[in-house]
Amino acid sequence: MKVKNVKDVDKLFKVIDECRGRVELVTAEGDRLNLKSKLTQYVALANVFADKTIGEMELIAHEPEDVQKLVMFMYDGEA
């Protein structure tokens, strides 16, 4: 799924932390980074999200209930 215009990156990471299964960020090169990892959240993504806004990114959630959580985040006015 594509996630666009996220203004509250901290809330996005909180939603991802609440997911039961694996949630991955797909990079422009096609690599998949595990967003459940704090190391990935704070180190690998620090440069991309330095301004605290995400223009667009692709996420893969492996559990249907996690997909629902992410969709609800996007429609909650925080994305």
Protein backbone atom coordinates (compact mmCIF):
# COMPACT_ATOMS: atom_id res chain seq x y z
CA MET A 1 0.00 0.00 0.00
CA LYS A 2 1.12 3.56 -0.67
CA VAL A 3 1.16 5.95 2.26
CA LYS A 4 1.24 9.66 1.40
CA ASN A 5 1.59 12.98 3.20
CA VAL A 6 2.19 11.63 6.69
CA LYS A 7 2.66 14.57 9.04
CA ASP A 8 2.94 12.63 12.30
CA VAL A 9 5.77 10.14 11.78
CA ASP A 10 5.85 9.26 15.48
CA LYS A 11 2.19 8.21 15.37
CA LEU A 12 2.85 6.12 12.25
CA PHE A 13 5.65 4.29 14.06
CA LYS A 14 3.35 3.78 17.06
CA VAL A 15 0.73 2.19 14.79
CA ILE A 16 3.42 0.00 13.22
CA ASP A 17 4.64 -1.04 16.68
CA GLU A 18 1.08 -2.13 17.51
CA CYS A 19 0.89 -4.38 14.46
CA ARG A 20 1.08 -8.12 15.14
CA GLY A 21 2.93 -9.14 12.01
CA ARG A 22 5.78 -7.85 9.93
CA VAL A 23 5.49 -4.41 8.35
CA GLU A 24 8.03 -3.53 5.69
CA LEU A 25 9.07 -0.38 3.88
CA VAL A 26 9.84 -0.94 0.19
CA THR A 27 12.72 1.27 -0.92
CA ALA A 28 13.07 2.79 -4.39
CA GLU A 29 15.59 0.01 -5.14
CA GLY A 30 13.05 -2.67 -4.17
CA ASP A 31 14.67 -3.56 -0.85
CA ARG A 32 12.35 -4.35 2.06
CA LEU A 33 13.17 -2.89 5.47
CA ASN A 34 11.52 -4.24 8.61
CA LEU A 35 9.75 -1.28 10.22
CA LYS A 36 9.08 -3.23 13.41
CA SER A 37 12.79 -2.81 14.14
CA LYS A 38 13.59 0.27 16.21
CA LEU A 39 17.02 0.34 14.60
CA THR A 40 15.42 0.64 11.17
CA GLN A 41 12.97 3.26 12.41
CA TYR A 42 15.59 5.51 13.98
CA VAL A 43 18.67 4.95 11.86
CA ALA A 44 17.73 3.90 8.32
CA LEU A 45 14.75 6.26 8.10
CA ALA A 46 16.23 9.23 9.97
CA ASN A 47 17.62 10.81 6.81
CA VAL A 48 14.46 10.30 4.78
CA PHE A 49 12.15 11.76 7.41
CA ALA A 50 14.39 14.47 8.84
CA ASP A 51 11.70 17.10 8.27
CA LYS A 52 9.07 14.98 10.09
CA THR A 53 6.93 14.63 6.96
CA ILE A 54 6.65 11.65 4.65
CA GLY A 55 5.73 12.57 1.10
CA GLU A 56 5.11 9.02 -0.11
CA MET A 57 6.24 5.53 0.77
CA GLU A 58 5.19 1.96 0.08
CA LEU A 59 4.43 -0.37 2.98
CA ILE A 60 3.74 -4.09 3.03
CA ALA A 61 1.84 -5.49 6.00
CA HIS A 62 1.60 -9.27 6.17
CA GLU A 63 -1.43 -9.58 8.48
CA PRO A 64 -4.90 -8.44 7.31
CA GLU A 65 -5.61 -6.81 10.69
CA ASP A 66 -2.37 -4.83 10.37
CA VAL A 67 -3.41 -3.59 6.93
CA GLN A 68 -6.66 -2.42 8.53
CA LYS A 69 -4.74 -0.54 11.26
CA LEU A 70 -2.61 1.24 8.68
CA VAL A 71 -5.65 2.13 6.55
CA MET A 72 -7.39 3.53 9.64
CA PHE A 73 -4.27 5.60 10.38
CA MET A 74 -4.38 7.07 6.87
CA TYR A 75 -8.08 7.99 7.19
CA ASP A 76 -7.74 9.29 10.74
CA GLY A 77 -6.57 12.68 9.59
CA GLU A 78 -2.98 12.01 10.67
CA ALA A 79 -1.81 11.04 7.22
